[in-house]
C-alpha atoms as a PDB file:
ATOM      1  CA  MET A   1      72.610  56.402 107.491  1.00  0.00           C
ATOM      2  CA  ARG A   2      72.899  56.392 103.700  1.00  0.00           C
ATOM      3  CA  THR A   3      69.746  55.377 101.885  1.00  0.00           C
ATOM      4  CA  ARG A   4      70.381  52.249  99.857  1.00  0.00           C
ATOM      5  CA  LEU A   5      69.651  52.352  96.176  1.00  0.00           C
ATOM      6  CA  VAL A   6      68.012  49.487  94.331  1.00  0.00           C
ATOM      7  CA  ARG A   7      71.248  48.989  92.382  1.00  0.00           C
ATOM      8  CA  ASP A   8      73.033  48.301  95.715  1.00  0.00           C
ATOM      9  CA  VAL A   9      70.455  45.668  96.628  1.00  0.00           C
ATOM     10  CA  ILE A  10      70.647  43.815  93.308  1.00  0.00           C
ATOM     11  CA  GLU A  11      74.428  44.008  92.930  1.00  0.00           C
ATOM     12  CA  GLY A  12      75.748  40.536  92.128  1.00  0.00           C
ATOM     13  CA  GLN A  13      72.241  39.116  92.091  1.00  0.00           C
ATOM     14  CA  LYS A  14      71.520  36.219  89.769  1.00  0.00           C
ATOM     15  CA  ILE A  15      67.970  36.348  88.518  1.00  0.00           C
ATOM     16  CA  LEU A  16      66.041  33.424  87.158  1.00  0.00           C
ATOM     17  CA  CYS A  17      64.706  34.217  83.695  1.00  0.00           C
ATOM     18  CA  LEU A  18      62.366  31.757  82.002  1.00  0.00           C
ATOM     19  CA  ALA A  19      60.410  31.686  78.747  1.00  0.00           C
ATOM     20  CA  PRO A  20      56.615  32.032  78.857  1.00  0.00           C
ATOM     21  CA  THR A  21      56.325  28.472  77.508  1.00  0.00           C
ATOM     22  CA  VAL A  22      58.120  26.882  80.479  1.00  0.00           C
ATOM     23  CA  THR A  23      55.729  24.820  82.599  1.00  0.00           C
ATOM     24  CA  VAL A  24      54.940  25.636  86.197  1.00  0.00           C
ATOM     25  CA  SER A  25      56.568  22.355  87.299  1.00  0.00           C
ATOM     26  CA  GLU A  26      59.824  23.233  85.562  1.00  0.00           C
ATOM     27  CA  ALA A  27      59.719  26.768  86.940  1.00  0.00           C
ATOM     28  CA  ALA A  28      59.159  25.470  90.487  1.00  0.00           C
ATOM     29  CA  ARG A  29      62.071  23.038  90.113  1.00  0.00           C
ATOM     30  CA  ARG A  30      64.385  25.793  88.860  1.00  0.00           C
ATOM     31  CA  MET A  31      63.239  28.188  91.614  1.00  0.00           C
ATOM     32  CA  LYS A  32      64.020  25.516  94.210  1.00  0.00           C
ATOM     33  CA  GLU A  33      67.455  24.832  92.684  1.00  0.00           C
ATOM     34  CA  GLN A  34      68.374  28.510  92.701  1.00  0.00           C
ATOM     35  CA  LYS A  35      66.717  29.129  96.085  1.00  0.00           C
ATOM     36  CA  VAL A  36      64.595  32.023  94.818  1.00  0.00           C
ATOM     37  CA  GLY A  37      60.959  32.911  95.389  1.00  0.00           C
ATOM     38  CA  SER A  38      60.251  34.248  91.920  1.00  0.00           C
ATOM     39  CA  ALA A  39      61.160  33.957  88.269  1.00  0.00           C
ATOM     40  CA  MET A  40      61.192  36.637  85.614  1.00  0.00           C
ATOM     41  CA  VAL A  41      59.243  35.610  82.529  1.00  0.00           C
ATOM     42  CA  VAL A  42      61.128  36.950  79.526  1.00  0.00           C
ATOM     43  CA  ALA A  43      60.171  37.029  75.851  1.00  0.00           C
ATOM     44  CA  ASP A  44      62.542  38.420  73.223  1.00  0.00           C
ATOM     45  CA  GLY A  45      64.841  39.713  75.991  1.00  0.00           C
ATOM     46  CA  ARG A  46      62.103  41.859  77.518  1.00  0.00           C
ATOM     47  CA  LEU A  47      60.230  41.344  80.757  1.00  0.00           C
ATOM     48  CA  ALA A  48      56.803  39.851  80.010  1.00  0.00           C
ATOM     49  CA  GLY A  49      55.795  38.876  83.531  1.00  0.00           C
ATOM     50  CA  ILE A  50      56.746  37.491  86.903  1.00  0.00           C
ATOM     51  CA  PHE A  51      55.932  34.138  88.465  1.00  0.00           C
ATOM     52  CA  THR A  52      56.145  33.812  92.240  1.00  0.00           C
ATOM     53  CA  GLU A  53      55.643  31.176  94.916  1.00  0.00           C
ATOM     54  CA  ARG A  54      52.328  32.852  95.677  1.00  0.00           C
ATOM     55  CA  ASP A  55      51.258  32.485  92.020  1.00  0.00           C
ATOM     56  CA  ALA A  56      52.056  28.772  92.208  1.00  0.00           C
ATOM     57  CA  LEU A  57      49.911  28.399  95.290  1.00  0.00           C
ATOM     58  CA  MET A  58      46.946  30.594  94.363  1.00  0.00           C
ATOM     59  CA  ARG A  59      46.780  30.382  90.583  1.00  0.00           C
ATOM     60  CA  VAL A  60      47.909  26.798  90.075  1.00  0.00           C
ATOM     61  CA  LEU A  61      47.421  24.571  93.122  1.00  0.00           C
ATOM     62  CA  ALA A  62      44.301  26.244  94.528  1.00  0.00           C
ATOM     63  CA  ALA A  63      42.817  26.406  91.021  1.00  0.00           C
ATOM     64  CA  GLY A  64      43.453  22.696  90.450  1.00  0.00           C
ATOM     65  CA  LEU A  65      45.613  23.218  87.372  1.00  0.00           C
ATOM     66  CA  ASP A  66      48.097  20.632  86.128  1.00  0.00           C
ATOM     67  CA  ALA A  67      51.507  22.137  86.941  1.00  0.00           C
ATOM     68  CA  GLY A  68      53.176  19.853  84.409  1.00  0.00           C
ATOM     69  CA  ALA A  69      51.010  21.110  81.563  1.00  0.00           C
ATOM     70  CA  THR A  70      50.405  24.749  82.529  1.00  0.00           C
ATOM     71  CA  PRO A  71      52.766  27.277  80.926  1.00  0.00           C
ATOM     72  CA  LEU A  72      53.938  30.296  82.895  1.00  0.00           C
ATOM     73  CA  SER A  73      52.179  32.576  80.407  1.00  0.00           C
ATOM     74  CA  ALA A  74      48.822  31.297  81.728  1.00  0.00           C
ATOM     75  CA  VAL A  75      49.509  32.037  85.397  1.00  0.00           C
ATOM     76  CA  MET A  76      52.182  34.744  85.565  1.00  0.00           C
ATOM     77  CA  THR A  77      51.519  38.295  86.628  1.00  0.00           C
ATOM     78  CA  ALA A  78      51.689  40.254  83.385  1.00  0.00           C
ATOM     79  CA  GLU A  79      50.469  43.634  84.632  1.00  0.00           C
ATOM     80  CA  LEU A  80      53.740  44.630  86.245  1.00  0.00           C
ATOM     81  CA  VAL A  81      54.951  47.469  88.351  1.00  0.00           C
ATOM     82  CA  THR A  82      58.697  47.799  87.852  1.00  0.00           C
ATOM     83  CA  ILE A  83      61.420  49.980  89.260  1.00  0.00           C
ATOM     84  CA  ASP A  84      64.675  51.478  88.024  1.00  0.00           C
ATOM     85  CA  GLN A  85      68.102  50.702  89.478  1.00  0.00           C
ATOM     86  CA  GLN A  86      68.549  54.339  90.523  1.00  0.00           C
ATOM     87  CA  ALA A  87      65.460  54.336  92.772  1.00  0.00           C
ATOM     88  CA  THR A  88      65.826  53.965  96.525  1.00  0.00           C
ATOM     89  CA  LEU A  89      64.922  50.852  98.443  1.00  0.00           C
ATOM     90  CA  MET A  90      62.342  52.976 100.267  1.00  0.00           C
ATOM     91  CA  GLU A  91      60.657  53.718  96.927  1.00  0.00           C
ATOM     92  CA  ALA A  92      60.561  49.987  96.188  1.00  0.00           C
ATOM     93  CA  LEU A  93      59.006  49.338  99.604  1.00  0.00           C
ATOM     94  CA  ARG A  94      56.332  51.954  98.949  1.00  0.00           C
ATOM     95  CA  LEU A  95      55.496  50.332  95.607  1.00  0.00           C
ATOM     96  CA  MET A  96      55.177  46.911  97.238  1.00  0.00           C
ATOM     97  CA  HIS A  97      53.078  48.244 100.098  1.00  0.00           C
ATOM     98  CA  ASP A  98      50.768  50.330  97.927  1.00  0.00           C
ATOM     99  CA  GLY A  99      50.391  47.559  95.337  1.00  0.00           C
ATOM    100  CA  GLY A 100      50.019  44.692  97.807  1.00  0.00           C
ATOM    101  CA  PHE A 101      52.829  42.571  96.394  1.00  0.00           C
ATOM    102  CA  ARG A 102      56.187  41.283  97.634  1.00  0.00           C
ATOM    103  CA  HIS A 103      58.469  41.494  94.600  1.00  0.00           C
ATOM    104  CA  VAL A 104      59.360  44.360  92.273  1.00  0.00           C
ATOM    105  CA  PRO A 105      61.250  43.604  89.078  1.00  0.00           C
ATOM    106  CA  VAL A 106      64.140  45.942  88.329  1.00  0.00           C
ATOM    107  CA  VAL A 107      64.415  46.824  84.662  1.00  0.00           C
ATOM    108  CA  ASP A 108      66.676  48.768  82.352  1.00  0.00           C
ATOM    109  CA  ALA A 109      64.902  49.739  79.115  1.00  0.00           C
ATOM    110  CA  GLY A 110      62.404  46.904  79.623  1.00  0.00           C
ATOM    111  CA  ARG A 111      65.065  44.278  80.218  1.00  0.00           C
ATOM    112  CA  PRO A 112      65.198  42.563  83.626  1.00  0.00           C
ATOM    113  CA  VAL A 113      68.352  43.257  85.627  1.00  0.00           C
ATOM    114  CA  GLY A 114      67.249  42.222  89.108  1.00  0.00           C
ATOM    115  CA  ILE A 115      64.447  41.899  91.573  1.00  0.00           C
ATOM    116  CA  VAL A 116      63.766  43.509  94.922  1.00  0.00           C
ATOM    117  CA  SER A 117      61.750  41.582  97.477  1.00  0.00           C
ATOM    118  CA  ILE A 118      60.333  42.567 100.821  1.00  0.00           C
ATOM    119  CA  ARG A 119      63.104  40.461 102.409  1.00  0.00           C
ATOM    120  CA  ASP A 120      65.683  42.904 101.071  1.00  0.00           C
ATOM    121  CA  ALA A 121      64.303  45.551 103.402  1.00  0.00           C
ATOM    122  CA  LEU A 122      65.396  43.937 106.621  1.00  0.00           C
ATOM    123  CA  GLY A 123      67.200  46.568 108.604  1.00  0.00           C
ATOM    124  CA  GLU A 124      66.994  50.333 108.922  1.00  0.00           C
ATOM    125  CA  GLU A 125      64.776  50.770 105.840  1.00  0.00           C
ATOM    126  CA  LEU A 126      62.143  48.466 107.311  1.00  0.00           C
ATOM    127  CA  ILE A 127      62.113  50.386 110.577  1.00  0.00           C
ATOM    128  CA  ARG A 128      61.784  53.696 108.724  1.00  0.00           C
ATOM    129  CA  PHE A 129      59.126  52.308 106.430  1.00  0.00           C
ATOM    130  CA  ASN A 130      57.033  50.945 109.311  1.00  0.00           C
ATOM    131  CA  ARG A 131      57.265  54.351 110.972  1.00  0.00           C
ATOM    132  CA  GLU A 132      56.101  56.008 107.737  1.00  0.00           C
ATOM    133  CA  VAL A 133      53.133  53.598 107.414  1.00  0.00           C
ATOM    134  CA  ALA A 134      52.113  54.282 111.019  1.00  0.00           C
ATOM    135  CA  GLU A 135      52.281  58.026 110.380  1.00  0.00           C
ATOM    136  CA  ARG A 136      50.148  57.629 107.229  1.00  0.00           C
ATOM    137  CA  GLN A 137      47.536  55.637 109.144  1.00  0.00           C
ATOM    138  CA  GLU A 138      47.456  58.147 111.971  1.00  0.00           C
ATOM    139  CA  LEU A 139      46.986  61.001 109.512  1.00  0.00           C
ATOM    140  CA  ALA A 140      44.215  59.129 107.705  1.00  0.00           C
ATOM    141  CA  GLU A 141      42.423  58.511 110.989  1.00  0.00           C
ATOM    142  CA  ARG A 142      42.664  62.179 111.916  1.00  0.00           C
ATOM    143  CA  LEU A 143      41.323  63.264 108.545  1.00  0.00           C
ATOM    144  CA  GLY A 144      38.438  60.831 108.904  1.00  0.00           C
END
């Protein structure tokens, strides 16, 4: 089976890009309209951060913030791990697993061009990745 590239996964994808000043309420409404689990936060055409459903839950609701008054810049993830379009989906999965997150922005010269989520890995890549994780764990146990 041919290994899928990130560019294959994001082909035809419409990403939601919002300004850092957009409120969490507006972002949530737009995410619902577009049926996406994340929004790219973009300033001057460059990726500044990402805002996800998990951010809304943990950083806004659980923290008791006012979603109508809180800008994305206050609750987005700004320390980003990104990936290039030429990388493989397996590489994206490794980044997500190792970093403990579910979305990886795809950039070209700092500009967002797509996003890969754990859901994109359904299929052969997920099976191979789970096998790789099991092998890593077994090796770690053997090495002590």
